[in-house]
Amino acid sequence: MEYGTLIELIGRFVDIAGVIVIAGGLLFATVFTVPMLRETDSSTIYARFRRRLGKAILLGLELLVAADIIRTVAVSPTLEGVIVLGVIVLVRTFLSFSLEVELYGRWPWQRTAKSTSDQASEPPTA
């Protein structure tokens, strides 16, 4: 098997994995939300469904970006290909950041800073 063909195949595999993660996340979110319909209020159900689905979409987007990088850099590293990759990564990164803000109400880098400051302010355990 030729190097370019192998890399293209790996890129397609990662693409498929990204789509499977998103579709599986939709199925997972739906399956775990339906039993809650009778016992929980609608705003809680909606928030949980959205959070589960959003996490799956975020992971799926990361895999799709990885597949684009694999194919563009390893198979066709032309200036035009790299520019197209840059635009795709920018759009998907914007989508990821938007989803992160929708899910958690803060930017991705704020979560790390908050958890570090929370740990520093906690009293030591004996």
N, C-alpha and C. Protein backbone atom coordinates (compact mmCIF):
# COMPACT_ATOMS: atom_id res chain seq x y z
N MET A 1 0.85 -1.18 0.00
CA MET A 1 0.00 0.00 0.00
C MET A 1 0.90 1.25 0.00
N GLU A 2 0.54 2.19 -0.80
CA GLU A 2 1.29 3.44 -0.94
C GLU A 2 1.07 4.33 0.30
N TYR A 3 2.11 5.14 0.63
CA TYR A 3 2.07 6.01 1.81
C TYR A 3 0.87 6.96 1.77
N GLY A 4 0.65 7.63 0.64
CA GLY A 4 -0.47 8.58 0.51
C GLY A 4 -1.82 7.90 0.68
N THR A 5 -1.93 6.70 0.15
CA THR A 5 -3.18 5.95 0.27
C THR A 5 -3.44 5.55 1.73
N LEU A 6 -2.38 5.13 2.42
CA LEU A 6 -2.52 4.75 3.82
C LEU A 6 -2.94 5.95 4.67
N ILE A 7 -2.31 7.09 4.46
CA ILE A 7 -2.65 8.30 5.22
C ILE A 7 -4.09 8.73 4.92
N GLU A 8 -4.48 8.66 3.66
CA GLU A 8 -5.86 9.00 3.28
C GLU A 8 -6.85 8.07 3.97
N LEU A 9 -6.51 6.80 4.04
CA LEU A 9 -7.36 5.82 4.70
C LEU A 9 -7.48 6.12 6.20
N ILE A 10 -6.37 6.47 6.83
CA ILE A 10 -6.39 6.83 8.25
C ILE A 10 -7.25 8.09 8.45
N GLY A 11 -7.09 9.08 7.57
CA GLY A 11 -7.91 10.29 7.65
C GLY A 11 -9.39 9.98 7.54
N ARG A 12 -9.74 9.11 6.62
CA ARG A 12 -11.16 8.73 6.47
C ARG A 12 -11.67 7.99 7.69
N PHE A 13 -10.81 7.13 8.27
CA PHE A 13 -11.19 6.40 9.47
C PHE A 13 -11.47 7.37 10.62
N VAL A 14 -10.63 8.37 10.79
CA VAL A 14 -10.83 9.36 11.85
C VAL A 14 -12.08 10.19 11.56
N ASP A 15 -12.33 10.53 10.28
CA ASP A 15 -13.57 11.21 9.90
C ASP A 15 -14.79 10.40 10.31
N ILE A 16 -14.76 9.12 9.98
CA ILE A 16 -15.89 8.23 10.31
C ILE A 16 -16.05 8.15 11.83
N ALA A 17 -14.94 8.07 12.55
CA ALA A 17 -15.01 8.03 14.02
C ALA A 17 -15.67 9.30 14.55
N GLY A 18 -15.36 10.45 13.97
CA GLY A 18 -15.98 11.71 14.39
C GLY A 18 -17.49 11.70 14.17
N VAL A 19 -17.91 11.21 13.04
CA VAL A 19 -19.35 11.13 12.74
C VAL A 19 -20.03 10.13 13.67
N ILE A 20 -19.36 9.00 13.93
CA ILE A 20 -19.93 7.99 14.83
C ILE A 20 -20.07 8.56 16.24
N VAL A 21 -19.08 9.32 16.69
CA VAL A 21 -19.15 9.91 18.03
C VAL A 21 -20.33 10.87 18.13
N ILE A 22 -20.52 11.70 17.11
CA ILE A 22 -21.65 12.65 17.13
C ILE A 22 -22.99 11.91 17.09
N ALA A 23 -23.11 10.95 16.17
CA ALA A 23 -24.37 10.19 16.06
C ALA A 23 -24.60 9.35 17.32
N GLY A 24 -23.54 8.73 17.83
CA GLY A 24 -23.67 7.95 19.07
C GLY A 24 -24.03 8.83 20.25
N GLY A 25 -23.48 10.03 20.28
CA GLY A 25 -23.82 10.98 21.35
C GLY A 25 -25.28 11.38 21.30
N LEU A 26 -25.80 11.57 20.09
CA LEU A 26 -27.22 11.87 19.94
C LEU A 26 -28.07 10.71 20.45
N LEU A 27 -27.70 9.51 20.07
CA LEU A 27 -28.43 8.32 20.53
C LEU A 27 -28.33 8.18 22.05
N PHE A 28 -27.12 8.32 22.59
CA PHE A 28 -26.89 8.22 24.03
C PHE A 28 -27.71 9.26 24.79
N ALA A 29 -27.65 10.51 24.32
CA ALA A 29 -28.39 11.58 24.99
C ALA A 29 -29.89 11.30 24.96
N THR A 30 -30.38 10.81 23.84
CA THR A 30 -31.81 10.51 23.71
C THR A 30 -32.22 9.35 24.61
N VAL A 31 -31.44 8.27 24.57
CA VAL A 31 -31.78 7.08 25.35
C VAL A 31 -31.79 7.38 26.85
N PHE A 32 -30.85 8.19 27.31
CA PHE A 32 -30.80 8.49 28.74
C PHE A 32 -31.74 9.62 29.15
N THR A 33 -32.30 10.32 28.19
CA THR A 33 -33.23 11.40 28.51
C THR A 33 -34.67 10.92 28.53
N VAL A 34 -35.03 10.01 27.67
CA VAL A 34 -36.42 9.54 27.58
C VAL A 34 -36.96 9.03 28.91
N PRO A 35 -36.24 8.22 29.68
CA PRO A 35 -36.80 7.76 30.97
C PRO A 35 -37.05 8.89 31.96
N MET A 36 -36.38 10.02 31.80
CA MET A 36 -36.54 11.15 32.72
C MET A 36 -37.81 11.95 32.43
N LEU A 37 -38.44 11.71 31.31
CA LEU A 37 -39.58 12.54 30.90
C LEU A 37 -40.72 12.54 31.91
N ARG A 38 -40.92 11.44 32.61
CA ARG A 38 -42.04 11.35 33.54
C ARG A 38 -41.72 11.89 34.93
N GLU A 39 -40.46 11.91 35.29
CA GLU A 39 -40.15 12.21 36.68
C GLU A 39 -39.43 13.54 36.93
N THR A 40 -39.02 14.26 35.91
CA THR A 40 -38.24 15.47 36.09
C THR A 40 -38.88 16.61 35.32
N ASP A 41 -38.63 17.85 35.78
CA ASP A 41 -39.21 19.00 35.07
C ASP A 41 -38.49 19.21 33.73
N SER A 42 -39.16 19.85 32.81
CA SER A 42 -38.68 19.96 31.43
C SER A 42 -37.38 20.76 31.31
N SER A 43 -37.17 21.77 32.15
CA SER A 43 -35.94 22.55 32.03
C SER A 43 -34.72 21.72 32.41
N THR A 44 -34.84 20.85 33.39
CA THR A 44 -33.74 19.96 33.78
C THR A 44 -33.47 18.94 32.68
N ILE A 45 -34.53 18.39 32.13
CA ILE A 45 -34.38 17.41 31.04
C ILE A 45 -33.66 18.04 29.86
N TYR A 46 -34.11 19.22 29.47
CA TYR A 46 -33.51 19.92 28.34
C TYR A 46 -32.03 20.21 28.59
N ALA A 47 -31.70 20.68 29.78
CA ALA A 47 -30.31 21.02 30.11
C ALA A 47 -29.43 19.78 30.07
N ARG A 48 -29.89 18.67 30.62
CA ARG A 48 -29.09 17.43 30.60
C ARG A 48 -28.92 16.91 29.18
N PHE A 49 -30.01 16.92 28.42
CA PHE A 49 -29.92 16.46 27.02
C PHE A 49 -28.92 17.31 26.24
N ARG A 50 -29.04 18.62 26.40
CA ARG A 50 -28.14 19.54 25.70
C ARG A 50 -26.69 19.33 26.08
N ARG A 51 -26.44 19.15 27.37
CA ARG A 51 -25.06 18.95 27.83
C ARG A 51 -24.48 17.65 27.27
N ARG A 52 -25.25 16.58 27.32
CA ARG A 52 -24.76 15.29 26.78
C ARG A 52 -24.50 15.38 25.28
N LEU A 53 -25.45 15.96 24.56
CA LEU A 53 -25.28 16.09 23.12
C LEU A 53 -24.13 17.03 22.78
N GLY A 54 -24.02 18.14 23.50
CA GLY A 54 -22.96 19.10 23.26
C GLY A 54 -21.58 18.50 23.46
N LYS A 55 -21.42 17.67 24.47
CA LYS A 55 -20.14 17.01 24.72
C LYS A 55 -19.78 16.08 23.55
N ALA A 56 -20.76 15.37 23.05
CA ALA A 56 -20.52 14.48 21.91
C ALA A 56 -20.13 15.28 20.67
N ILE A 57 -20.81 16.38 20.45
CA ILE A 57 -20.49 17.22 19.30
C ILE A 57 -19.08 17.79 19.42
N LEU A 58 -18.71 18.24 20.61
CA LEU A 58 -17.35 18.76 20.83
C LEU A 58 -16.29 17.70 20.51
N LEU A 59 -16.49 16.50 21.02
CA LEU A 59 -15.52 15.43 20.75
C LEU A 59 -15.51 15.07 19.27
N GLY A 60 -16.68 14.99 18.66
CA GLY A 60 -16.76 14.69 17.23
C GLY A 60 -16.05 15.75 16.39
N LEU A 61 -16.23 17.03 16.74
CA LEU A 61 -15.55 18.11 16.02
C LEU A 61 -14.03 17.99 16.14
N GLU A 62 -13.55 17.62 17.32
CA GLU A 62 -12.11 17.43 17.50
C GLU A 62 -11.59 16.33 16.59
N LEU A 63 -12.33 15.25 16.47
CA LEU A 63 -11.91 14.16 15.58
C LEU A 63 -11.95 14.59 14.12
N LEU A 64 -12.97 15.34 13.73
CA LEU A 64 -13.05 15.82 12.35
C LEU A 64 -11.91 16.77 12.01
N VAL A 65 -11.52 17.62 12.96
CA VAL A 65 -10.37 18.50 12.74
C VAL A 65 -9.10 17.67 12.60
N ALA A 66 -8.95 16.66 13.46
CA ALA A 66 -7.77 15.80 13.38
C ALA A 66 -7.69 15.11 12.02
N ALA A 67 -8.81 14.65 11.51
CA ALA A 67 -8.83 14.00 10.20
C ALA A 67 -8.42 14.98 9.10
N ASP A 68 -8.91 16.20 9.17
CA ASP A 68 -8.53 17.21 8.18
C ASP A 68 -7.04 17.49 8.23
N ILE A 69 -6.50 17.57 9.44
CA ILE A 69 -5.06 17.83 9.58
C ILE A 69 -4.26 16.66 9.00
N ILE A 70 -4.65 15.45 9.32
CA ILE A 70 -3.94 14.27 8.81
C ILE A 70 -3.91 14.28 7.29
N ARG A 71 -5.08 14.47 6.69
CA ARG A 71 -5.14 14.42 5.23
C ARG A 71 -4.41 15.58 4.57
N THR A 72 -4.55 16.77 5.12
CA THR A 72 -3.97 17.95 4.48
C THR A 72 -2.46 17.98 4.62
N VAL A 73 -1.97 17.74 5.80
CA VAL A 73 -0.53 17.86 6.04
C VAL A 73 0.22 16.67 5.46
N ALA A 74 -0.31 15.48 5.61
CA ALA A 74 0.42 14.29 5.19
C ALA A 74 0.21 13.93 3.72
N VAL A 75 -0.95 14.20 3.18
CA VAL A 75 -1.24 13.78 1.81
C VAL A 75 -0.97 14.88 0.79
N SER A 76 -1.50 16.06 1.01
CA SER A 76 -1.36 17.12 0.01
C SER A 76 -0.93 18.43 0.68
N PRO A 77 0.34 18.53 1.07
CA PRO A 77 0.78 19.76 1.76
C PRO A 77 1.06 20.92 0.81
N THR A 78 0.05 21.31 0.04
CA THR A 78 0.19 22.47 -0.84
C THR A 78 -0.26 23.72 -0.09
N LEU A 79 0.14 24.86 -0.59
CA LEU A 79 -0.25 26.11 0.05
C LEU A 79 -1.77 26.26 0.07
N GLU A 80 -2.41 25.93 -1.04
CA GLU A 80 -3.87 26.02 -1.11
C GLU A 80 -4.52 25.07 -0.09
N GLY A 81 -3.99 23.85 0.02
CA GLY A 81 -4.53 22.89 0.98
C GLY A 81 -4.38 23.35 2.41
N VAL A 82 -3.23 23.94 2.71
CA VAL A 82 -2.99 24.43 4.07
C VAL A 82 -3.91 25.61 4.39
N ILE A 83 -4.15 26.49 3.41
CA ILE A 83 -5.07 27.62 3.62
C ILE A 83 -6.49 27.11 3.87
N VAL A 84 -6.92 26.15 3.07
CA VAL A 84 -8.26 25.57 3.26
C VAL A 84 -8.34 24.92 4.63
N LEU A 85 -7.30 24.19 5.02
CA LEU A 85 -7.26 23.57 6.34
C LEU A 85 -7.36 24.63 7.43
N GLY A 86 -6.62 25.72 7.27
CA GLY A 86 -6.67 26.81 8.26
C GLY A 86 -8.06 27.36 8.43
N VAL A 87 -8.77 27.56 7.32
CA VAL A 87 -10.15 28.08 7.39
C VAL A 87 -11.06 27.06 8.08
N ILE A 88 -10.91 25.79 7.72
CA ILE A 88 -11.74 24.74 8.33
C ILE A 88 -11.48 24.68 9.83
N VAL A 89 -10.21 24.72 10.22
CA VAL A 89 -9.87 24.66 11.65
C VAL A 89 -10.41 25.89 12.38
N LEU A 90 -10.34 27.06 11.76
CA LEU A 90 -10.88 28.27 12.39
C LEU A 90 -12.39 28.15 12.62
N VAL A 91 -13.10 27.69 11.61
CA VAL A 91 -14.55 27.55 11.73
C VAL A 91 -14.90 26.52 12.80
N ARG A 92 -14.23 25.38 12.78
CA ARG A 92 -14.54 24.34 13.76
C ARG A 92 -14.11 24.75 15.17
N THR A 93 -13.02 25.50 15.27
CA THR A 93 -12.60 25.99 16.58
C THR A 93 -13.62 26.98 17.12
N PHE A 94 -14.12 27.86 16.25
CA PHE A 94 -15.17 28.79 16.67
C PHE A 94 -16.40 28.03 17.15
N LEU A 95 -16.78 26.98 16.42
CA LEU A 95 -17.92 26.16 16.84
C LEU A 95 -17.66 25.49 18.18
N SER A 96 -16.45 24.98 18.37
CA SER A 96 -16.10 24.33 19.64
C SER A 96 -16.17 25.32 20.80
N PHE A 97 -15.60 26.51 20.60
CA PHE A 97 -15.65 27.53 21.66
C PHE A 97 -17.09 27.93 21.95
N SER A 98 -17.89 28.09 20.91
CA SER A 98 -19.29 28.46 21.10
C SER A 98 -20.03 27.38 21.89
N LEU A 99 -19.79 26.13 21.54
CA LEU A 99 -20.43 25.04 22.28
C LEU A 99 -19.96 25.00 23.73
N GLU A 100 -18.68 25.23 23.95
CA GLU A 100 -18.14 25.24 25.31
C GLU A 100 -18.82 26.33 26.15
N VAL A 101 -19.00 27.50 25.56
CA VAL A 101 -19.66 28.59 26.28
C VAL A 101 -21.13 28.24 26.54
N GLU A 102 -21.79 27.63 25.56
CA GLU A 102 -23.19 27.23 25.73
C GLU A 102 -23.34 26.17 26.82
N LEU A 103 -22.40 25.22 26.86
CA LEU A 103 -22.51 24.12 27.83
C LEU A 103 -22.14 24.53 29.24
N TYR A 104 -21.06 25.30 29.38
CA TYR A 104 -20.52 25.56 30.70
C TYR A 104 -20.63 27.02 31.14
N GLY A 105 -21.01 27.91 30.24
CA GLY A 105 -21.18 29.31 30.59
C GLY A 105 -19.87 30.07 30.78
N ARG A 106 -18.79 29.53 30.27
CA ARG A 106 -17.48 30.19 30.37
C ARG A 106 -16.59 29.68 29.25
N TRP A 107 -15.52 30.43 28.99
CA TRP A 107 -14.57 30.05 27.94
C TRP A 107 -13.76 28.84 28.40
N PRO A 108 -13.25 28.04 27.48
CA PRO A 108 -12.50 26.84 27.87
C PRO A 108 -11.32 27.13 28.80
N TRP A 109 -10.62 28.22 28.59
CA TRP A 109 -9.45 28.52 29.41
C TRP A 109 -9.83 29.02 30.80
N GLN A 110 -11.06 29.47 30.98
CA GLN A 110 -11.51 29.91 32.30
C GLN A 110 -11.75 28.73 33.23
N ARG A 111 -12.16 27.63 32.70
CA ARG A 111 -12.43 26.44 33.52
C ARG A 111 -11.14 25.96 34.18
N THR A 112 -10.03 25.94 33.45
CA THR A 112 -8.75 25.50 34.01
C THR A 112 -8.28 26.46 35.08
N ALA A 113 -8.36 27.76 34.81
CA ALA A 113 -7.92 28.75 35.78
C ALA A 113 -8.77 28.68 37.04
N LYS A 114 -10.07 28.47 36.89
CA LYS A 114 -10.97 28.40 38.05
C LYS A 114 -10.65 27.18 38.89
N SER A 115 -10.47 26.02 38.26
CA SER A 115 -10.21 24.81 39.04
C SER A 115 -8.87 24.90 39.76
N THR A 116 -7.88 25.57 39.18
CA THR A 116 -6.59 25.75 39.84
C THR A 116 -6.74 26.66 41.04
N SER A 117 -7.47 27.78 40.90
CA SER A 117 -7.65 28.70 42.02
C SER A 117 -8.52 28.07 43.11
N ASP A 118 -9.49 27.22 42.72
CA ASP A 118 -10.31 26.54 43.71
C ASP A 118 -9.46 25.59 44.56
N GLN A 119 -8.54 24.88 43.91
CA GLN A 119 -7.69 23.96 44.63
C GLN A 119 -6.76 24.70 45.58
N ALA A 120 -6.28 25.86 45.18
CA ALA A 120 -5.37 26.63 46.01
C ALA A 120 -6.08 27.18 47.24
N SER A 121 -7.38 27.47 47.14
CA SER A 121 -8.10 28.06 48.27
C SER A 121 -8.69 27.01 49.21
N GLU A 122 -8.65 25.73 48.82
CA GLU A 122 -9.19 24.69 49.68
C GLU A 122 -8.26 24.45 50.87
N PRO A 123 -8.83 24.23 52.05
CA PRO A 123 -7.97 23.93 53.20
C PRO A 123 -7.36 22.54 53.05
N PRO A 124 -6.17 22.35 53.59
CA PRO A 124 -5.53 21.04 53.49
C PRO A 124 -6.31 20.00 54.28
N THR A 125 -6.33 18.79 53.76
CA THR A 125 -7.03 17.71 54.44
C THR A 125 -6.04 16.92 55.27
N ALA A 126 -6.50 16.43 56.40
CA ALA A 126 -5.60 15.68 57.29
C ALA A 126 -5.79 14.21 57.16
